[in-house]
Amino acid sequence: MSIIDNINKLFDHRIRLGIMSILMVNEKVNFKRLKELLEVTDGNLASHIKALEKAEYIIVEKSFIDRKPNTQYIATKLGRAEFKKHIEALEKIIKKQMK
């Protein structure tokens, strides 16, 4: 098995990589905050969230705060494990290139 076998194509896009990076260090993050941190449009963010949700890497938690809808995102155990493998593979590639 080569190093690049652990590279996850789902994390190839910078927005999905950013979403997972943010969710790895925060228990949950709402849509507005993700949008601000990643500096993307609603539609762009929503499509990338859907891809991660479909892969079961994140879960969506909807609720109301003062009668206003609030959508939070949480990285799943599978999502955390896959992201960690992806980052470790990238680190191995970088280390190999620096030798």
N, C-alpha and C. Protein backbone atom coordinates (compact mmCIF):
# COMPACT_ATOMS: atom_id res chain seq x y z
N MET A 1 0.85 -1.19 0.00
CA MET A 1 0.00 0.00 0.00
C MET A 1 0.89 1.25 0.00
N SER A 2 0.63 2.15 -0.92
CA SER A 2 1.44 3.36 -1.01
C SER A 2 0.85 4.48 -0.14
N ILE A 3 1.64 5.50 0.05
CA ILE A 3 1.23 6.65 0.85
C ILE A 3 -0.04 7.28 0.29
N ILE A 4 -0.09 7.38 -1.02
CA ILE A 4 -1.23 8.10 -1.61
C ILE A 4 -2.54 7.31 -1.55
N ASP A 5 -2.48 6.07 -1.13
CA ASP A 5 -3.72 5.31 -0.96
C ASP A 5 -4.61 5.93 0.12
N ASN A 6 -4.00 6.62 1.07
CA ASN A 6 -4.77 7.24 2.15
C ASN A 6 -5.21 8.67 1.83
N ILE A 7 -4.87 9.15 0.64
CA ILE A 7 -5.34 10.48 0.23
C ILE A 7 -6.82 10.33 -0.12
N ASN A 8 -7.64 11.12 0.49
CA ASN A 8 -9.10 11.04 0.31
C ASN A 8 -9.55 12.09 -0.69
N LYS A 9 -10.09 11.65 -1.82
CA LYS A 9 -10.52 12.56 -2.88
C LYS A 9 -11.57 13.55 -2.40
N LEU A 10 -12.33 13.17 -1.40
CA LEU A 10 -13.38 14.06 -0.88
C LEU A 10 -12.78 15.33 -0.26
N PHE A 11 -11.56 15.23 0.21
CA PHE A 11 -10.90 16.39 0.82
C PHE A 11 -10.04 17.16 -0.17
N ASP A 12 -10.13 16.82 -1.45
CA ASP A 12 -9.35 17.53 -2.46
C ASP A 12 -9.72 19.00 -2.59
N HIS A 13 -10.97 19.31 -2.35
CA HIS A 13 -11.41 20.70 -2.50
C HIS A 13 -11.12 21.49 -1.23
N ARG A 14 -10.62 22.69 -1.40
CA ARG A 14 -10.22 23.51 -0.24
C ARG A 14 -11.38 23.80 0.71
N ILE A 15 -12.60 23.91 0.20
CA ILE A 15 -13.73 24.21 1.08
C ILE A 15 -14.05 23.01 1.97
N ARG A 16 -14.06 21.81 1.39
CA ARG A 16 -14.32 20.61 2.20
C ARG A 16 -13.18 20.38 3.18
N LEU A 17 -11.97 20.64 2.75
CA LEU A 17 -10.81 20.53 3.65
C LEU A 17 -10.96 21.53 4.79
N GLY A 18 -11.40 22.74 4.47
CA GLY A 18 -11.61 23.77 5.48
C GLY A 18 -12.73 23.43 6.45
N ILE A 19 -13.83 22.91 5.94
CA ILE A 19 -14.96 22.52 6.81
C ILE A 19 -14.47 21.49 7.82
N MET A 20 -13.80 20.46 7.33
CA MET A 20 -13.34 19.40 8.24
C MET A 20 -12.28 19.91 9.21
N SER A 21 -11.40 20.78 8.75
CA SER A 21 -10.38 21.35 9.64
C SER A 21 -11.04 22.09 10.80
N ILE A 22 -12.05 22.87 10.48
CA ILE A 22 -12.77 23.64 11.50
C ILE A 22 -13.50 22.70 12.46
N LEU A 23 -14.14 21.67 11.91
CA LEU A 23 -14.89 20.74 12.76
C LEU A 23 -13.99 19.84 13.60
N MET A 24 -12.76 19.67 13.20
CA MET A 24 -11.82 18.86 13.99
C MET A 24 -11.44 19.56 15.29
N VAL A 25 -11.49 20.88 15.31
CA VAL A 25 -11.09 21.62 16.51
C VAL A 25 -12.26 22.27 17.25
N ASN A 26 -13.46 22.10 16.71
CA ASN A 26 -14.67 22.61 17.36
C ASN A 26 -15.69 21.48 17.43
N GLU A 27 -16.35 21.35 18.56
CA GLU A 27 -17.35 20.28 18.71
C GLU A 27 -18.46 20.42 17.67
N LYS A 28 -18.95 21.64 17.51
CA LYS A 28 -19.96 21.92 16.49
C LYS A 28 -19.83 23.36 16.05
N VAL A 29 -20.20 23.61 14.80
CA VAL A 29 -20.11 24.96 14.24
C VAL A 29 -21.36 25.21 13.41
N ASN A 30 -21.90 26.43 13.51
CA ASN A 30 -23.11 26.72 12.73
C ASN A 30 -22.76 27.21 11.33
N PHE A 31 -23.77 27.22 10.47
CA PHE A 31 -23.60 27.56 9.05
C PHE A 31 -22.98 28.95 8.89
N LYS A 32 -23.52 29.90 9.62
CA LYS A 32 -23.05 31.29 9.50
C LYS A 32 -21.55 31.40 9.83
N ARG A 33 -21.14 30.72 10.87
CA ARG A 33 -19.73 30.77 11.29
C ARG A 33 -18.82 30.11 10.24
N LEU A 34 -19.25 28.95 9.72
CA LEU A 34 -18.47 28.30 8.67
C LEU A 34 -18.33 29.22 7.47
N LYS A 35 -19.43 29.83 7.10
CA LYS A 35 -19.44 30.74 5.94
C LYS A 35 -18.45 31.89 6.15
N GLU A 36 -18.45 32.47 7.36
CA GLU A 36 -17.53 33.57 7.68
C GLU A 36 -16.08 33.12 7.65
N LEU A 37 -15.81 31.98 8.29
CA LEU A 37 -14.43 31.50 8.37
C LEU A 37 -13.86 31.12 7.01
N LEU A 38 -14.70 30.53 6.17
CA LEU A 38 -14.23 30.06 4.87
C LEU A 38 -14.39 31.09 3.74
N GLU A 39 -15.13 32.16 4.03
CA GLU A 39 -15.37 33.24 3.06
C GLU A 39 -15.93 32.69 1.75
N VAL A 40 -17.07 31.99 1.86
CA VAL A 40 -17.74 31.40 0.70
C VAL A 40 -19.21 31.81 0.69
N THR A 41 -19.86 31.56 -0.44
CA THR A 41 -21.29 31.87 -0.56
C THR A 41 -22.12 30.77 0.09
N ASP A 42 -23.37 31.08 0.36
CA ASP A 42 -24.29 30.10 0.95
C ASP A 42 -24.37 28.84 0.09
N GLY A 43 -24.60 29.04 -1.21
CA GLY A 43 -24.76 27.91 -2.13
C GLY A 43 -23.52 27.04 -2.23
N ASN A 44 -22.37 27.68 -2.29
CA ASN A 44 -21.11 26.96 -2.38
C ASN A 44 -20.88 26.13 -1.12
N LEU A 45 -21.08 26.74 0.03
CA LEU A 45 -20.91 26.03 1.30
C LEU A 45 -21.89 24.88 1.41
N ALA A 46 -23.15 25.13 1.06
CA ALA A 46 -24.19 24.10 1.16
C ALA A 46 -23.86 22.88 0.32
N SER A 47 -23.34 23.08 -0.90
CA SER A 47 -23.03 21.94 -1.76
C SER A 47 -21.89 21.09 -1.20
N HIS A 48 -20.90 21.74 -0.59
CA HIS A 48 -19.78 21.00 0.00
C HIS A 48 -20.21 20.29 1.28
N ILE A 49 -21.08 20.92 2.03
CA ILE A 49 -21.61 20.28 3.24
C ILE A 49 -22.39 19.02 2.85
N LYS A 50 -23.18 19.12 1.79
CA LYS A 50 -23.96 17.97 1.31
C LYS A 50 -23.05 16.79 0.97
N ALA A 51 -21.94 17.08 0.30
CA ALA A 51 -20.99 16.02 -0.08
C ALA A 51 -20.42 15.33 1.16
N LEU A 52 -20.07 16.11 2.17
CA LEU A 52 -19.52 15.53 3.40
C LEU A 52 -20.60 14.78 4.18
N GLU A 53 -21.81 15.30 4.14
CA GLU A 53 -22.92 14.64 4.83
C GLU A 53 -23.26 13.31 4.15
N LYS A 54 -23.25 13.30 2.83
CA LYS A 54 -23.55 12.08 2.06
C LYS A 54 -22.53 10.98 2.37
N ALA A 55 -21.29 11.37 2.57
CA ALA A 55 -20.22 10.42 2.91
C ALA A 55 -20.27 10.02 4.38
N GLU A 56 -21.18 10.63 5.12
CA GLU A 56 -21.34 10.40 6.56
C GLU A 56 -20.12 10.86 7.37
N TYR A 57 -19.47 11.92 6.88
CA TYR A 57 -18.33 12.51 7.57
C TYR A 57 -18.79 13.61 8.54
N ILE A 58 -19.96 14.17 8.28
CA ILE A 58 -20.53 15.16 9.19
C ILE A 58 -22.02 14.86 9.39
N ILE A 59 -22.54 15.34 10.51
CA ILE A 59 -23.98 15.27 10.72
C ILE A 59 -24.50 16.69 10.90
N VAL A 60 -25.75 16.86 10.52
CA VAL A 60 -26.40 18.16 10.58
C VAL A 60 -27.39 18.12 11.72
N GLU A 61 -27.32 19.15 12.56
CA GLU A 61 -28.21 19.26 13.72
C GLU A 61 -28.99 20.56 13.57
N LYS A 62 -30.31 20.44 13.38
CA LYS A 62 -31.15 21.63 13.21
C LYS A 62 -31.94 21.89 14.47
N SER A 63 -32.01 23.17 14.84
CA SER A 63 -32.77 23.57 16.02
C SER A 63 -33.24 25.01 15.83
N PHE A 64 -33.91 25.52 16.84
CA PHE A 64 -34.35 26.92 16.81
C PHE A 64 -33.78 27.63 18.04
N ILE A 65 -33.29 28.84 17.81
CA ILE A 65 -32.82 29.70 18.90
C ILE A 65 -33.62 30.98 18.78
N ASP A 66 -34.42 31.27 19.80
CA ASP A 66 -35.33 32.43 19.75
C ASP A 66 -36.16 32.45 18.47
N ARG A 67 -36.73 31.32 18.15
CA ARG A 67 -37.60 31.12 16.98
C ARG A 67 -36.90 31.26 15.63
N LYS A 68 -35.59 31.34 15.65
CA LYS A 68 -34.83 31.42 14.40
C LYS A 68 -34.14 30.08 14.17
N PRO A 69 -34.19 29.60 12.92
CA PRO A 69 -33.53 28.32 12.65
C PRO A 69 -32.02 28.42 12.85
N ASN A 70 -31.47 27.37 13.43
CA ASN A 70 -30.03 27.31 13.65
C ASN A 70 -29.54 25.93 13.22
N THR A 71 -28.63 25.90 12.27
CA THR A 71 -28.10 24.64 11.77
C THR A 71 -26.65 24.51 12.20
N GLN A 72 -26.36 23.42 12.89
CA GLN A 72 -25.01 23.15 13.38
C GLN A 72 -24.47 21.92 12.67
N TYR A 73 -23.16 21.88 12.54
CA TYR A 73 -22.50 20.75 11.89
C TYR A 73 -21.50 20.13 12.86
N ILE A 74 -21.46 18.81 12.84
CA ILE A 74 -20.60 18.05 13.75
C ILE A 74 -19.87 16.98 12.94
N ALA A 75 -18.57 16.85 13.15
CA ALA A 75 -17.81 15.78 12.48
C ALA A 75 -18.16 14.45 13.15
N THR A 76 -18.42 13.44 12.33
CA THR A 76 -18.71 12.11 12.87
C THR A 76 -17.40 11.41 13.22
N LYS A 77 -17.52 10.29 13.90
CA LYS A 77 -16.35 9.49 14.24
C LYS A 77 -15.64 9.04 12.95
N LEU A 78 -16.43 8.61 11.96
CA LEU A 78 -15.88 8.21 10.67
C LEU A 78 -15.19 9.39 9.98
N GLY A 79 -15.84 10.55 9.98
CA GLY A 79 -15.27 11.73 9.37
C GLY A 79 -13.95 12.13 10.00
N ARG A 80 -13.90 12.09 11.33
CA ARG A 80 -12.67 12.42 12.05
C ARG A 80 -11.54 11.44 11.69
N ALA A 81 -11.87 10.16 11.65
CA ALA A 81 -10.87 9.14 11.34
C ALA A 81 -10.35 9.30 9.91
N GLU A 82 -11.24 9.52 8.95
CA GLU A 82 -10.85 9.67 7.55
C GLU A 82 -10.02 10.94 7.34
N PHE A 83 -10.40 12.01 8.02
CA PHE A 83 -9.66 13.26 7.89
C PHE A 83 -8.26 13.10 8.47
N LYS A 84 -8.18 12.44 9.60
CA LYS A 84 -6.88 12.21 10.24
C LYS A 84 -5.97 11.39 9.33
N LYS A 85 -6.51 10.33 8.71
CA LYS A 85 -5.73 9.51 7.77
C LYS A 85 -5.25 10.36 6.59
N HIS A 86 -6.13 11.23 6.10
CA HIS A 86 -5.79 12.10 4.97
C HIS A 86 -4.62 13.03 5.33
N ILE A 87 -4.73 13.66 6.48
CA ILE A 87 -3.68 14.59 6.92
C ILE A 87 -2.36 13.86 7.15
N GLU A 88 -2.43 12.68 7.75
CA GLU A 88 -1.21 11.90 7.98
C GLU A 88 -0.55 11.52 6.66
N ALA A 89 -1.35 11.17 5.65
CA ALA A 89 -0.81 10.82 4.34
C ALA A 89 -0.13 12.04 3.71
N LEU A 90 -0.77 13.22 3.84
CA LEU A 90 -0.16 14.44 3.31
C LEU A 90 1.17 14.73 4.00
N GLU A 91 1.20 14.54 5.33
CA GLU A 91 2.44 14.79 6.07
C GLU A 91 3.54 13.85 5.63
N LYS A 92 3.20 12.58 5.38
CA LYS A 92 4.21 11.61 4.92
C LYS A 92 4.75 12.02 3.55
N ILE A 93 3.89 12.47 2.68
CA ILE A 93 4.32 12.92 1.34
C ILE A 93 5.26 14.11 1.48
N ILE A 94 4.91 15.05 2.32
CA ILE A 94 5.74 16.24 2.52
C ILE A 94 7.10 15.84 3.09
N LYS A 95 7.10 14.98 4.10
CA LYS A 95 8.37 14.54 4.71
C LYS A 95 9.24 13.82 3.69
N LYS A 96 8.61 13.00 2.86
CA LYS A 96 9.35 12.25 1.84
C LYS A 96 9.99 13.22 0.83
N GLN A 97 9.28 14.28 0.49
CA GLN A 97 9.80 15.25 -0.47
C GLN A 97 10.93 16.09 0.11
N MET A 98 10.96 16.22 1.43
CA MET A 98 11.98 17.05 2.07
C MET A 98 13.29 16.30 2.31
N LYS A 99 13.31 15.01 2.08
CA LYS A 99 14.53 14.21 2.29
C LYS A 99 15.52 14.42 1.17
